[in-house]
Each structure stands twice: as C-alpha cells, then as structure tokens.
C-alpha cells in the first residue's frame, strides 16, 4: 500500500490477499501510508524489520537458487534478470521473445487504482518450468514459440505447497500482461521449496479468484481517500484471527497482541475456536471480563453447553490473572501423572533448522539437563556433523539407562521422540535399538499439563507456564532467542558467519542458542518437579499468588 503521486491509493499484490484475510490490516495500512500522525505514533513501537525475519531471508535465498538453476539450464542470453523499476524494459525484453525474464516490473491501473509489482519469472509460451529428478529447477522448450510472444507469470516460494494467496498474486501479473496484450493462456505456476516440485494454476479460474480479491480491496479503498481518511476509519486495532498474525500477513503482530490483551479479548482464552468468539459476542459477551462476570455458564445460541462452560471457567481463572494473581483451574483431583524421579533422569530438548537448499531438516543441537541440573549440549555445526552429535546423545542416554533402566527422559511437546526416530531412519536404521530404548523412556509433559489444569495465562507454552513455578531465578530468559523460530534465525546467522570465516562471531551466536537450549532443558526439569508437588481438586481454582 502507498499513496500515488496523484494523491490516490496505490497497491501491490500483498494488499490483495490481505483484503481477503483481514480487512483490519488493509485499513491500518491505509492510515499509516496516509501519514496520520497519531496512527504513526501508535504503530512506531511495533514496527518490525522484515529483512530480519527468517521466512523472508529464506524466501530470498530460494529465489536466488532457482534463478541460478534456470539460468544454467538455458543458452546464454535466454535468461535475463532485471534490476529496474522501469516497466518499459520488461516489455522490451518480452517483445524480443526472451525465454525467461526474472524480476519483470509492471505498473498499471487495476480497479481504478495504481498497482505495481515484480514478477519473479516471466516464461515465454513454448517454454516450461519443471523440476528435474535431482530437484533442480530448469526451463525447457516444450513447443513452438508464437510469432507474437506471450508470457506466463511464475513465482518462487520457499513453501511445501501451493496457496490461494499465491494464485491471487500471480493472477495480478497475468492481468497486467493481458492489458499489454502479452498474456499466454498456458497455466502459470509456483516453484516450491527444494524438491517440492511446482504448482500450476489455470488461467480462467485464477483470473476469477483475482478479480474477486480485487473487488474486495477496491471496496475498502473506495471508502476514503488519503486526504480525507481519519483514525476512526481503522475501526479495529487488531486482526480478527490470530492466524493472520502468525502467518506474517500482519505488519504489526505485536500491536495486535497488546490490543487483544488490553481489550481482554476472547481470543486470549486457551483453545478458543474461531467460530465460538462471534457467538459469544452476539450474546453480549465480548470480553473475557464480561464472560468471567457471569454467575453461571451462559446459554449462548449456537454454542454447545459444554463449550460455553469450558470458556466460562477459563475466563474466571484468567480474570484472576488480570487482577494481579497467579491462578490455575484444576481439571483433576489428586496429583498430575508425573513419574517418580530417579537420579538418572534426563530433561531433553532439540534444536533444528530447515535449510533452503535441502529437502530435510537438520538437527543441530541435542541439549540435556541431568537430575542434578548439569547441562550438556551435543552440537552439529554442519550437516556432516549431525550423525556424530546424534551418536553423542545416544551414548549419553544409553549410559544413564544402563545405570538405571527405570529412568525417564522428559521433554515438552512431541518434537524430541519424532526427531530421534527420524534420524534413525535417515541414517539407515543407525543404532535403532539404542534409539528405541531411549524413546520408550520419554515422557511428554505437555499432555500431562493439559490434562491437569487450565492456566490463567491462557497459554500452555512452557515459557508461559514458567510464571507458575517461579523459574526466573534459575533461567536467563529475555535474550536474543525467545522461541524456536528465533533459534532458527540465529542459526542462520551462525551459518552466514561460518561461511564468511568469522569464527569468533559464529561462536558467540552458538553460545546464545546454547544458553536458550539450556533454559528449555532446565525449565522442563523445574516443571516436572513442580507438577509432582501439586495437589489438585477437580474444578477448583488454585491461587498460587494473591494480588498485592
């Protein structure tokens, strides 16, 4: 979104699928681009540098790899990559029948508003993009080239599958080509992530989807102008669906999160189905606080009584947290089902990375904390070291298992056993018996927690749960790594530093990741210890700290 030189709205492909997914995002973007001072001041603390987001970095990496592979598959001069915002250069190359053009730039009027965008690839009719058996992407001539050249747009996405938003984006370029008289009727497509193949979209259906999206967007744009828009036009300061923020369509996800919290939005409740919120709001229960204030589970049209009761009880315990307390609502009577401790117990956490140039994920760290809270990390700096690090973990685990066959290996959520089994399979059944023996002793604390209580925080993430067992005194949260996605981003920086020969910087980055992994392992132990101490009564609210 931007304001054109004529003082009207101008948009890009991203705005089209934003309009389909979240009208709030479009309205807020319009107010920001119009330069409303109060709006700019409100969003300023929440601006994020997209260039530092791993999906953006890896998307650019995948694009570069595909461009180089296609160029290598064609004779010299048959692949031209542009670095220009002059649409005439793109048109000139197409009229010369260049087989593949990368980063072709378009600008035109769509729906009465200026539109512009870069097509990753423009493919001349008579040529096709395909993935070879070895995973390499290439352009091949599959038929005659028409005397009057026409092109199909293609895009590159570091994704495992196609998506409607990609289709909308591609169809915008196709619409621009049609206006120029240079559009092919051959299906356009997406090059997916490494060895994930390509996805093709039929022209007629794609244009239909695009024009529906365009109508939705222009209906919003037509409501105001850059010179008349006011802050009231925004209406809502947060995305209606959390998935919009999670999938990086939202420009200000942290602003959405704070807005939801300040409004005590129903979406804060754990396991709140996206269809339940509108039904509760229709009943006049538009916040956690209002729901919590009910003297009994409300009767809500269209919502099953068991769901209404579940959300009501969760709202009551969450309201206690809003009032400054730490509170849980028990779901069982007695103690959570955590095994008795042994002196050989292990608390286990893995870190992994999804390289853009490989089909498989890379497990680069196996972190363990002992019953005595000693920490070790078995690290693979490169793919070639993965098996060695895996062996080190297996050696560590089997040595402890030999000392006490009744030990348990605790983890939080399910990646750890999945990754161990995956690595055994990856390396041809390598040490399958040792791996199976360790997996058999693994205990996932997450389902135990979910079966035991509803947290007043509304979140079952281990970071959110740490407040209940006062883990801060032993952990060092708050660094560069706040979660698994941050760990992956830091590992990408580690790889870059290592490739540049900056070993000192690489070592510092790995220390940051290791410290985060140590905290996750130790937090798992502290959680297990705390769960054993709980004595619960079913559906009783347990106050862990009173308001001060």
Protein backbone atom coordinates (compact mmCIF):
# COMPACT_ATOMS: atom_id res chain seq x y z
CA UNK A 1 0.00 0.00 0.00
CA UNK A 2 1.17 3.53 -0.78
CA UNK A 3 -0.11 6.94 -1.84
CA UNK A 4 0.46 7.64 -5.51
CA UNK A 5 1.96 10.84 -6.89
CA UNK A 6 -1.61 11.84 -7.85
CA UNK A 7 -2.65 11.62 -4.22
CA UNK A 8 -4.72 8.45 -4.51
CA UNK A 9 -4.28 4.92 -3.19
CA UNK A 10 -1.85 2.59 -4.92
CA UNK A 11 -1.47 -1.07 -4.01
CA UNK A 12 0.63 -4.19 -4.51
CA UNK A 13 -0.18 -7.89 -4.70
CA UNK A 14 0.25 -8.35 -0.95
CA UNK A 15 -2.65 -5.96 -0.34
CA UNK A 16 -4.95 -8.16 -2.41
CA UNK A 17 -4.70 -11.21 -0.19
CA UNK A 18 -4.60 -9.00 2.90
CA UNK A 19 -8.08 -7.77 1.92
CA UNK A 20 -9.26 -11.37 1.69
CA UNK A 21 -7.74 -12.44 5.00
CA UNK A 22 -8.02 -9.37 7.22
CA UNK A 23 -9.77 -6.08 6.46
CA UNK A 24 -8.16 -4.56 9.58
CA UNK A 25 -4.71 -4.96 8.00
CA UNK A 26 -5.79 -3.01 4.92
CA UNK A 27 -7.46 -0.22 6.89
CA UNK A 28 -4.48 0.22 9.20
CA UNK A 29 -2.05 0.17 6.26
CA UNK A 30 -4.08 2.91 4.55
CA UNK A 31 -3.97 5.11 7.66
CA UNK A 32 -0.22 4.57 8.03
CA UNK A 33 0.53 5.34 4.38
CA UNK A 34 -1.64 8.46 4.57
CA UNK A 35 0.68 9.62 7.33
CA UNK A 36 -1.85 10.21 10.11
CA UNK A 37 0.36 11.45 12.98
CA UNK A 38 -1.48 9.70 15.84
CA UNK A 39 -1.56 6.42 13.93
CA UNK A 40 2.15 6.64 13.10
CA UNK A 41 2.91 7.29 16.76
CA UNK A 42 0.84 4.28 17.82
CA UNK A 43 2.42 1.78 15.41
CA UNK A 44 6.00 3.07 15.71
CA UNK A 45 6.94 0.87 18.73
CA UNK A 46 5.65 -2.19 16.89
CA UNK A 47 7.41 -1.79 13.54
CA UNK A 48 9.36 -4.93 12.66
CA UNK A 49 12.30 -5.29 10.31
CA UNK A 50 11.07 -7.86 7.81
CA UNK A 51 14.58 -8.28 6.44
CA UNK A 52 15.45 -9.93 9.77
CA UNK A 53 12.64 -12.49 9.53
CA UNK A 54 13.83 -15.99 8.64
CA UNK A 55 10.94 -16.71 6.21
CA UNK A 56 11.87 -13.57 4.26
CA UNK A 57 15.59 -14.41 4.30
CA UNK A 58 14.97 -17.97 3.16
CA UNK A 59 12.44 -16.86 0.56
CA UNK A 60 15.11 -14.64 -0.98
CA UNK A 61 17.66 -17.46 -0.78
CA UNK A 62 15.31 -19.88 -2.53
CA UNK A 63 14.61 -17.30 -5.21
CA UNK A 64 18.34 -16.85 -5.85
CA UNK A 65 18.91 -20.61 -6.10
CA UNK A 66 16.05 -21.06 -8.58
CA UNK A 67 17.17 -18.14 -10.73
CA UNK A 68 20.68 -19.56 -10.95
CA UNK A 69 19.40 -23.06 -11.77
CA UNK A 70 17.12 -21.81 -14.55
CA UNK A 71 19.86 -19.63 -15.99
CA UNK A 72 22.22 -22.62 -16.05
CA UNK A 73 19.60 -24.69 -17.90
CA UNK A 74 19.35 -22.23 -20.82
CA UNK A 75 21.76 -21.00 -23.51
CA UNK A 76 23.49 -17.69 -22.81
CA UNK A 77 21.13 -14.75 -23.27
CA UNK A 78 17.95 -16.79 -22.83
CA UNK A 79 17.63 -15.80 -19.17
CA UNK A 80 17.67 -12.11 -18.26
CA UNK A 81 17.39 -10.81 -14.72
CA UNK A 82 16.28 -7.21 -14.37
CA UNK A 83 17.16 -4.71 -11.66
CA UNK A 84 14.87 -1.89 -12.65
CA UNK A 85 11.53 -0.26 -11.84
CA UNK A 86 11.08 0.77 -15.45
CA UNK A 87 8.22 -1.32 -16.89
CA UNK A 88 9.29 -0.40 -20.43
CA UNK A 89 12.43 -2.51 -20.01
CA UNK A 90 10.30 -5.53 -19.11
CA UNK A 91 8.04 -5.01 -22.12
CA UNK A 92 11.01 -4.55 -24.43
CA UNK A 93 12.51 -7.90 -23.37
CA UNK A 94 9.18 -9.68 -23.85
CA UNK A 95 8.82 -8.26 -27.36
CA UNK A 96 12.27 -9.69 -28.10
CA UNK A 97 10.95 -13.15 -27.10
CA UNK A 98 13.49 -13.68 -24.32
CA UNK A 99 12.57 -17.17 -22.99
CA UNK A 100 12.74 -16.35 -19.26
CA UNK A 101 12.77 -12.91 -17.64
CA UNK A 102 13.38 -12.57 -13.90
CA UNK A 103 12.07 -9.67 -11.81
CA UNK A 104 9.94 -8.17 -14.56
CA UNK A 105 8.31 -4.98 -13.29
CA UNK A 106 4.74 -3.91 -14.02
CA UNK A 107 2.70 -0.86 -13.22
CA UNK A 108 -0.84 -0.27 -14.39
CA UNK A 109 -4.31 0.73 -13.20
CA UNK A 110 -6.42 -2.08 -11.76
CA UNK A 111 -9.89 -1.42 -10.42
CA UNK A 112 -9.34 2.31 -10.74
CA UNK A 113 -6.18 2.37 -8.60
CA UNK A 114 -2.49 2.23 -9.40
CA UNK A 115 -0.94 -1.20 -8.99
CA UNK A 116 2.68 -2.29 -9.31
CA UNK A 117 4.70 -5.41 -8.70
CA UNK A 118 7.67 -7.58 -9.63
CA UNK A 119 7.00 -10.97 -11.19
CA UNK A 120 9.71 -13.40 -10.14
CA UNK A 121 9.64 -15.07 -13.55
CA UNK A 122 8.01 -14.41 -16.92
CA UNK A 123 8.09 -17.53 -19.09
CA UNK A 124 7.68 -17.35 -22.86
CA UNK A 125 4.99 -19.59 -24.33
CA UNK A 126 6.74 -22.62 -25.81
CA UNK A 127 8.88 -22.97 -22.67
CA UNK A 128 8.02 -24.64 -19.40
CA UNK A 129 9.37 -24.58 -15.84
CA UNK A 130 9.87 -28.02 -14.33
CA UNK A 131 11.71 -29.83 -11.58
CA UNK A 132 14.18 -32.49 -12.65
CA UNK A 133 14.61 -35.79 -10.83
CA UNK A 134 17.53 -34.38 -8.86
CA UNK A 135 15.42 -31.49 -7.57
CA UNK A 136 16.98 -28.92 -9.91
CA UNK A 137 14.59 -26.37 -11.44
CA UNK A 138 15.03 -25.77 -15.14
CA UNK A 139 13.37 -24.15 -18.13
CA UNK A 140 12.87 -26.37 -21.16
CA UNK A 141 11.42 -25.71 -24.58
CA UNK A 142 8.30 -27.87 -24.98
CA UNK A 143 6.78 -26.42 -28.13
CA UNK A 144 6.96 -23.74 -30.79
CA UNK A 145 7.33 -20.10 -29.80
CA UNK A 146 4.47 -17.97 -31.20
CA UNK A 147 5.36 -15.26 -33.70
CA UNK A 148 3.80 -12.69 -31.38
CA UNK A 149 5.33 -13.50 -27.98
CA UNK A 150 3.09 -14.12 -24.96
CA UNK A 151 4.13 -14.94 -21.41
CA UNK A 152 3.01 -16.73 -18.25
CA UNK A 153 3.96 -15.38 -14.82
CA UNK A 154 5.70 -17.63 -12.30
CA UNK A 155 6.72 -17.05 -8.72
CA UNK A 156 9.19 -18.69 -6.34
CA UNK A 157 8.07 -19.60 -2.83
CA UNK A 158 10.03 -21.45 -0.18
CA UNK A 159 6.91 -23.42 0.65
CA UNK A 160 5.85 -27.05 0.63
CA UNK A 161 2.54 -26.48 -1.16
CA UNK A 162 0.52 -24.00 -3.16
CA UNK A 163 -1.84 -21.47 -1.63
CA UNK A 164 -4.76 -19.32 -2.77
CA UNK A 165 -2.83 -16.15 -1.95
CA UNK A 166 -0.06 -17.21 -4.34
CA UNK A 167 -2.68 -17.73 -7.04
CA UNK A 168 -4.07 -14.23 -6.42
CA UNK A 169 -0.57 -12.73 -6.57
CA UNK A 170 0.25 -14.47 -9.85
CA UNK A 171 -3.06 -13.52 -11.42
CA UNK A 172 -2.29 -9.85 -10.77
CA UNK A 173 0.73 -10.16 -13.07
CA UNK A 174 -1.40 -12.09 -15.55
CA UNK A 175 -3.97 -9.29 -15.56
CA UNK A 176 -1.19 -6.78 -16.28
CA UNK A 177 0.05 -8.97 -19.13
CA UNK A 178 -3.46 -9.17 -20.58
CA UNK A 179 -3.73 -5.37 -20.58
CA UNK A 180 -0.47 -5.31 -22.54
CA UNK A 181 -1.68 -8.00 -24.97
CA UNK A 182 1.19 -10.24 -23.85
CA UNK A 183 -0.61 -12.86 -21.73
CA UNK A 184 -0.38 -16.56 -22.53
CA UNK A 185 -3.25 -18.97 -21.92
CA UNK A 186 -0.78 -21.59 -20.71
CA UNK A 187 -1.09 -22.28 -16.95
CA UNK A 188 1.10 -20.14 -14.73
CA UNK A 189 2.78 -21.53 -11.65
CA UNK A 190 4.76 -21.53 -8.43
CA UNK A 191 8.19 -23.06 -7.87
CA UNK A 192 8.04 -24.52 -4.37
CA UNK A 193 10.79 -25.28 -1.85
CA UNK A 194 13.67 -27.65 -2.51
CA UNK A 195 12.44 -30.86 -4.17
CA UNK A 196 8.80 -29.92 -3.51
CA UNK A 197 8.07 -29.52 -7.21
CA UNK A 198 5.90 -26.90 -8.91
CA UNK A 199 2.22 -25.98 -8.73
CA UNK A 200 0.32 -24.81 -11.79
CA UNK A 201 -2.80 -22.65 -11.91
CA UNK A 202 -5.28 -22.49 -14.77
CA UNK A 203 -5.69 -19.02 -16.25
CA UNK A 204 -9.51 -18.66 -16.25
CA UNK A 205 -10.05 -19.76 -12.65
CA UNK A 206 -7.08 -17.71 -11.46
CA UNK A 207 -8.38 -14.51 -13.03
CA UNK A 208 -11.76 -15.14 -11.41
CA UNK A 209 -10.14 -15.50 -7.98
CA UNK A 210 -8.03 -12.41 -8.59
CA UNK A 211 -10.96 -10.23 -9.62
CA UNK A 212 -12.91 -11.29 -6.55
CA UNK A 213 -9.94 -10.25 -4.40
CA UNK A 214 -9.59 -7.00 -6.35
CA UNK A 215 -13.27 -6.20 -5.78
CA UNK A 216 -12.84 -6.74 -2.03
CA UNK A 217 -9.80 -4.49 -1.89
CA UNK A 218 -11.18 -1.68 -4.02
CA UNK A 219 -14.41 -1.70 -2.00
CA UNK A 220 -12.29 -0.80 1.05
CA UNK A 221 -10.12 1.72 -0.82
CA UNK A 222 -13.20 3.49 -2.19
CA UNK A 223 -14.47 4.30 1.31
CA UNK A 224 -11.98 7.13 1.81
CA UNK A 225 -9.02 8.92 0.26
CA UNK A 226 -5.52 9.70 1.53
CA UNK A 227 -6.59 13.30 2.15
CA UNK A 228 -9.86 12.51 3.96
CA UNK A 229 -9.02 9.37 5.95
CA UNK A 230 -9.25 9.65 9.75
CA UNK A 231 -8.13 7.44 12.60
CA UNK A 232 -11.72 6.29 13.05
CA UNK A 233 -11.53 4.54 9.68
CA UNK A 234 -9.31 1.85 11.23
CA UNK A 235 -12.22 0.62 13.40
CA UNK A 236 -10.22 -2.24 14.96
CA UNK A 237 -6.61 -2.19 16.17
CA UNK A 238 -6.05 -5.93 15.93
CA UNK A 239 -6.50 -8.76 13.46
CA UNK A 240 -9.71 -10.72 13.99
CA UNK A 241 -7.88 -14.02 13.53
CA UNK A 242 -4.65 -14.93 15.30
CA UNK A 243 -3.59 -16.98 12.25
CA UNK A 244 -3.21 -13.76 10.25
CA UNK A 245 -0.55 -12.54 12.68
CA UNK A 246 1.08 -15.97 12.96
CA UNK A 247 1.50 -16.30 9.19
CA UNK A 248 3.25 -12.94 8.78
CA UNK A 249 0.49 -11.25 6.78
CA UNK A 250 0.10 -8.71 9.55
CA UNK A 251 2.51 -5.75 9.63
CA UNK A 252 2.20 -5.24 13.39
CA UNK A 253 1.62 -8.59 15.13
CA UNK A 254 2.89 -7.29 18.48
CA UNK A 255 0.39 -4.41 18.34
CA UNK A 256 -2.39 -6.93 17.71
CA UNK A 257 -1.25 -8.99 20.68
CA UNK A 258 -1.23 -5.97 23.00
CA UNK A 259 -4.59 -4.77 21.71
CA UNK A 260 -6.16 -8.15 22.38
CA UNK A 261 -4.69 -8.17 25.88
CA UNK A 262 -5.78 -4.64 26.72
CA UNK A 263 -9.31 -5.39 25.49
CA UNK A 264 -9.38 -8.71 27.36
CA UNK A 265 -10.33 -10.24 24.01
CA UNK A 266 -11.98 -13.66 23.97
CA UNK A 267 -9.19 -14.87 21.71
CA UNK A 268 -6.90 -14.90 24.78
CA UNK A 269 -8.74 -17.92 26.16
CA UNK A 270 -7.00 -21.27 25.61
CA UNK A 271 -8.29 -23.35 22.70
CA UNK A 272 -10.82 -20.73 21.67
CA UNK A 273 -12.27 -21.98 18.38
CA UNK A 274 -12.57 -19.20 15.80
CA UNK A 275 -16.31 -19.92 15.45
CA UNK A 276 -17.03 -19.60 19.17
CA UNK A 277 -15.95 -15.97 19.63
CA UNK A 278 -18.60 -14.48 17.30
CA UNK A 279 -21.33 -16.48 19.05
CA UNK A 280 -20.25 -15.25 22.48
CA UNK A 281 -20.08 -11.66 21.20
CA UNK A 282 -23.55 -11.95 19.72
CA UNK A 283 -24.73 -12.85 23.22
CA UNK A 284 -23.19 -9.64 24.57
CA UNK A 285 -20.14 -11.40 26.00
CA UNK A 286 -17.45 -9.58 24.04
CA UNK A 287 -14.56 -9.88 26.51
CA UNK A 288 -13.01 -12.29 28.97
CA UNK A 289 -14.04 -9.99 31.80
CA UNK A 290 -17.71 -9.98 30.81
CA UNK A 291 -17.73 -13.76 30.43
CA UNK A 292 -16.00 -14.20 33.80
CA UNK A 293 -18.60 -12.00 35.49
CA UNK A 294 -21.40 -14.44 34.66
CA UNK A 295 -22.68 -16.23 37.77
CA UNK A 296 -23.04 -19.47 35.81
CA UNK A 297 -22.15 -20.85 32.42
CA UNK A 298 -24.08 -18.75 29.88
CA UNK A 299 -26.66 -20.08 27.44
CA UNK A 300 -25.31 -18.99 24.04
CA UNK A 301 -27.19 -19.55 20.77
CA UNK A 302 -25.34 -21.96 18.52
CA UNK A 303 -22.73 -22.88 21.13
CA UNK A 304 -22.87 -26.27 22.82
CA UNK A 305 -23.28 -26.02 26.61
CA UNK A 306 -20.03 -27.90 27.25
CA UNK A 307 -18.09 -25.31 25.24
CA UNK A 308 -19.84 -22.40 26.94
CA UNK A 309 -18.97 -23.90 30.34
CA UNK A 310 -15.36 -24.54 29.34
CA UNK A 311 -14.83 -20.97 28.16
CA UNK A 312 -16.65 -19.54 31.21
CA UNK A 313 -14.42 -21.42 33.64
CA UNK A 314 -11.29 -20.46 31.72
CA UNK A 315 -12.43 -16.83 31.75
CA UNK A 316 -12.88 -16.89 35.51
CA UNK A 317 -9.34 -18.05 36.18
CA UNK A 318 -7.92 -15.69 33.53
CA UNK A 319 -9.70 -12.75 35.18
CA UNK A 320 -7.84 -13.55 38.40
CA UNK A 321 -4.59 -13.13 36.46
CA UNK A 322 -5.80 -9.80 35.10
CA UNK A 323 -6.36 -8.78 38.73
CA UNK A 324 -2.70 -9.48 39.55
CA UNK A 325 -2.87 -13.05 40.79
CA UNK A 326 -1.35 -16.30 39.57
CA UNK A 327 -4.12 -18.82 39.21
CA UNK A 328 -4.96 -22.23 37.79
CA UNK A 329 -8.22 -24.09 37.42
CA UNK A 330 -7.73 -27.77 38.14
CA UNK A 331 -9.21 -30.42 35.84
CA UNK A 332 -8.36 -33.43 38.03
CA UNK A 333 -8.38 -34.48 41.65
CA UNK A 334 -5.04 -35.54 43.06
CA UNK A 335 -1.59 -35.19 41.59
CA UNK A 336 -0.64 -34.87 37.91
CA UNK A 337 0.52 -38.15 36.43
CA UNK A 338 4.28 -37.50 36.51
CA UNK A 339 6.56 -40.49 37.21
CA UNK A 340 8.59 -40.59 40.39
CA UNK A 341 12.08 -39.10 39.94
CA UNK A 342 15.29 -41.09 39.61
CA UNK A 343 18.89 -39.94 39.88
CA UNK A 344 19.47 -40.74 36.19
CA UNK A 345 16.53 -38.79 34.74
CA UNK A 346 17.20 -36.67 31.64
CA UNK A 347 15.50 -33.44 30.55
CA UNK A 348 15.83 -33.20 26.79
CA UNK A 349 15.36 -30.53 24.11
CA UNK A 350 16.43 -30.43 20.46
CA UNK A 351 17.05 -27.51 18.10
CA UNK A 352 16.69 -27.89 14.35
CA UNK A 353 16.88 -25.87 11.17
CA UNK A 354 15.19 -26.14 7.78
CA UNK A 355 17.83 -25.31 5.14
CA UNK A 356 16.51 -23.72 2.00
CA UNK A 357 18.85 -25.83 -0.15
CA UNK A 358 17.92 -29.24 1.26
CA UNK A 359 14.76 -31.32 1.49
CA UNK A 360 15.31 -32.49 5.03
CA UNK A 361 15.58 -30.59 8.28
CA UNK A 362 18.90 -30.51 10.08
CA UNK A 363 19.08 -31.33 13.81
CA UNK A 364 21.93 -29.19 15.07
CA UNK A 365 21.65 -29.44 18.86
CA UNK A 366 20.74 -32.12 21.39
CA UNK A 367 20.53 -30.49 24.81
CA UNK A 368 20.22 -32.40 28.08
CA UNK A 369 19.98 -31.49 31.75
CA UNK A 370 20.57 -34.14 34.40
CA UNK A 371 18.67 -34.72 37.63
CA UNK A 372 21.44 -32.71 39.28
CA UNK A 373 20.77 -29.85 36.81
CA UNK A 374 24.05 -30.23 34.94
CA UNK A 375 23.75 -29.24 31.28
CA UNK A 376 25.40 -30.67 28.18
CA UNK A 377 24.82 -29.89 24.51
CA UNK A 378 25.84 -32.08 21.59
CA UNK A 379 26.21 -29.73 18.64
CA UNK A 380 26.46 -30.22 14.89
CA UNK A 381 27.74 -27.08 13.19
CA UNK A 382 27.26 -28.57 9.73
CA UNK A 383 25.13 -31.31 8.20
CA UNK A 384 28.18 -33.56 8.07
CA UNK A 385 28.38 -33.45 11.88
CA UNK A 386 24.73 -34.35 12.50
CA UNK A 387 25.30 -38.08 12.90
CA UNK A 388 28.21 -37.53 15.31
CA UNK A 389 26.09 -35.26 17.53
CA UNK A 390 23.26 -37.82 17.41
CA UNK A 391 25.67 -40.54 18.47
CA UNK A 392 26.86 -38.39 21.37
CA UNK A 393 23.29 -38.02 22.57
CA UNK A 394 22.65 -41.76 22.20
CA UNK A 395 25.86 -42.51 24.12
CA UNK A 396 24.83 -40.13 26.91
CA UNK A 397 21.33 -41.60 27.15
CA UNK A 398 22.26 -45.27 26.96
CA UNK A 399 24.99 -44.84 29.59
CA UNK A 400 22.41 -43.49 32.02
CA UNK A 401 19.90 -46.13 31.03
CA UNK A 402 22.46 -48.83 31.85
CA UNK A 403 22.79 -47.35 35.35
CA UNK A 404 19.03 -47.19 35.90
CA UNK A 405 16.60 -48.87 33.47
CA UNK A 406 13.74 -47.01 35.19
CA UNK A 407 14.93 -43.53 34.29
CA UNK A 408 12.69 -41.19 32.31
CA UNK A 409 13.60 -38.71 29.60
CA UNK A 410 11.34 -35.68 29.96
CA UNK A 411 10.54 -33.28 27.15
CA UNK A 412 7.82 -30.71 26.40
CA UNK A 413 5.66 -31.30 23.32
CA UNK A 414 6.48 -34.01 20.83
CA UNK A 415 9.47 -32.99 18.63
CA UNK A 416 12.10 -34.90 20.62
CA UNK A 417 10.91 -38.51 20.04
CA UNK A 418 9.94 -37.63 16.48
CA UNK A 419 13.41 -36.26 15.70
CA UNK A 420 15.18 -39.23 17.28
CA UNK A 421 13.11 -41.68 15.22
CA UNK A 422 13.60 -39.56 12.12
CA UNK A 423 17.38 -39.59 12.48
CA UNK A 424 17.48 -43.35 12.97
CA UNK A 425 15.53 -43.75 9.73
CA UNK A 426 17.58 -41.10 7.94
CA UNK A 427 20.79 -42.98 8.63
CA UNK A 428 19.55 -46.38 7.54
CA UNK A 429 18.43 -47.74 10.90
CA UNK A 430 21.52 -46.42 12.67
CA UNK A 431 21.55 -47.62 16.28
CA UNK A 432 17.86 -48.36 16.05
CA UNK A 433 17.80 -50.43 19.25
CA UNK A 434 19.51 -47.71 21.29
CA UNK A 435 17.19 -45.05 19.92
CA UNK A 436 14.09 -47.17 20.52
CA UNK A 437 15.19 -47.87 24.11
CA UNK A 438 15.51 -44.14 24.81
CA UNK A 439 12.28 -43.18 23.07
CA UNK A 440 10.47 -45.80 25.16
CA UNK A 441 11.54 -43.91 28.30
CA UNK A 442 10.43 -40.48 27.04
CA UNK A 443 7.67 -38.59 28.86
CA UNK A 444 5.95 -35.60 27.25
CA UNK A 445 4.92 -33.14 29.97
CA UNK A 446 2.60 -31.09 27.73
CA UNK A 447 -0.35 -33.54 27.67
CA UNK A 448 0.09 -34.05 31.43
CA UNK A 449 -0.23 -30.29 31.95
CA UNK A 450 -3.25 -30.03 29.64
CA UNK A 451 -4.98 -32.90 31.42
CA UNK A 452 -4.29 -31.35 34.84
CA UNK A 453 -5.29 -27.69 34.73
CA UNK A 454 -6.25 -24.58 32.78
CA UNK A 455 -3.62 -21.83 33.21
CA UNK A 456 -4.84 -18.34 33.97
CA UNK A 457 -2.35 -17.02 31.42
CA UNK A 458 -4.34 -18.74 28.68
CA UNK A 459 -1.24 -20.34 27.18
CA UNK A 460 0.21 -23.82 27.50
CA UNK A 461 3.62 -22.86 26.13
CA UNK A 462 6.43 -23.71 28.53
CA UNK A 463 7.53 -20.06 28.56
CA UNK A 464 4.05 -19.01 29.73
CA UNK A 465 3.93 -21.78 32.34
CA UNK A 466 7.23 -20.75 33.90
CA UNK A 467 5.48 -18.00 35.86
CA UNK A 468 3.71 -20.65 37.93
CA UNK A 469 6.81 -22.50 39.09
CA UNK A 470 8.93 -19.36 39.55
CA UNK A 471 11.59 -20.43 37.07
CA UNK A 472 13.07 -16.93 36.65
CA UNK A 473 15.61 -17.40 39.44
CA UNK A 474 17.29 -20.23 37.53
CA UNK A 475 16.73 -19.19 33.93
CA UNK A 476 18.11 -16.41 31.76
CA UNK A 477 15.15 -15.67 29.51
CA UNK A 478 14.98 -12.36 27.71
CA UNK A 479 17.97 -12.72 25.38
CA UNK A 480 18.07 -12.77 21.59
CA UNK A 481 16.25 -16.10 21.46
CA UNK A 482 12.69 -16.01 22.72
CA UNK A 483 11.48 -19.17 20.97
CA UNK A 484 12.21 -21.87 18.43
CA UNK A 485 11.79 -19.51 15.45
CA UNK A 486 14.39 -17.17 16.96
CA UNK A 487 16.76 -20.10 17.45
CA UNK A 488 16.42 -20.95 13.76
CA UNK A 489 17.09 -17.34 12.80
CA UNK A 490 20.18 -17.22 15.00
CA UNK A 491 21.40 -20.47 13.43
CA UNK A 492 21.03 -18.88 10.01
CA UNK A 493 23.24 -16.03 11.24
CA UNK A 494 25.66 -18.65 12.58
CA UNK A 495 25.81 -20.30 9.16
CA UNK A 496 26.46 -16.96 7.49
CA UNK A 497 29.24 -16.09 9.93
CA UNK A 498 30.83 -19.51 9.49
CA UNK A 499 30.66 -19.24 5.69
CA UNK A 500 32.33 -15.82 5.88
CA UNK A 501 35.13 -17.25 8.01
CA UNK A 502 34.12 -15.20 11.05
CA UNK A 503 34.56 -18.00 13.57
CA UNK A 504 34.55 -15.69 16.60
CA UNK A 505 31.15 -14.27 15.68
CA UNK A 506 29.87 -17.75 14.88
CA UNK A 507 30.97 -18.98 18.30
CA UNK A 508 29.18 -16.09 20.02
CA UNK A 509 25.96 -16.86 18.15
CA UNK A 510 26.16 -20.55 19.04
CA UNK A 511 26.61 -19.60 22.69
CA UNK A 512 23.36 -17.62 22.52
CA UNK A 513 21.48 -20.62 21.08
CA UNK A 514 23.06 -22.98 23.60
CA UNK A 515 22.03 -20.76 26.50
CA UNK A 516 18.46 -20.80 25.20
CA UNK A 517 18.51 -24.58 24.87
CA UNK A 518 19.87 -24.94 28.38
CA UNK A 519 16.98 -22.84 29.69
CA UNK A 520 14.46 -25.03 27.87
CA UNK A 521 16.00 -28.22 29.29
CA UNK A 522 16.22 -26.82 32.82
CA UNK A 523 12.71 -25.40 32.62
CA UNK A 524 11.45 -28.87 31.71
CA UNK A 525 13.03 -30.23 34.90
CA UNK A 526 11.61 -27.43 37.03
CA UNK A 527 8.18 -28.05 35.53
CA UNK A 528 8.34 -31.78 36.33
CA UNK A 529 9.42 -31.04 39.91
CA UNK A 530 6.57 -28.54 40.37
CA UNK A 531 3.92 -30.84 38.89
CA UNK A 532 4.83 -33.53 41.43
CA UNK A 533 4.18 -31.06 44.24
CA UNK A 534 0.68 -30.08 43.08
CA UNK A 535 -2.34 -31.43 44.93
CA UNK A 536 -5.46 -30.63 42.94
CA UNK A 537 -9.20 -30.80 43.46
CA UNK A 538 -11.29 -31.08 40.30
CA UNK A 539 -12.62 -27.74 39.02
CA UNK A 540 -11.15 -25.87 41.95
CA UNK A 541 -9.36 -22.60 41.38
CA UNK A 542 -5.87 -22.70 42.82
CA UNK A 543 -4.36 -19.32 43.76
CA UNK A 544 -0.58 -19.50 43.59
CA UNK A 545 -0.03 -15.83 44.37
CA UNK A 546 -2.51 -13.30 45.70
CA UNK A 547 -2.79 -9.81 44.32
CA UNK A 548 -0.52 -7.30 46.06
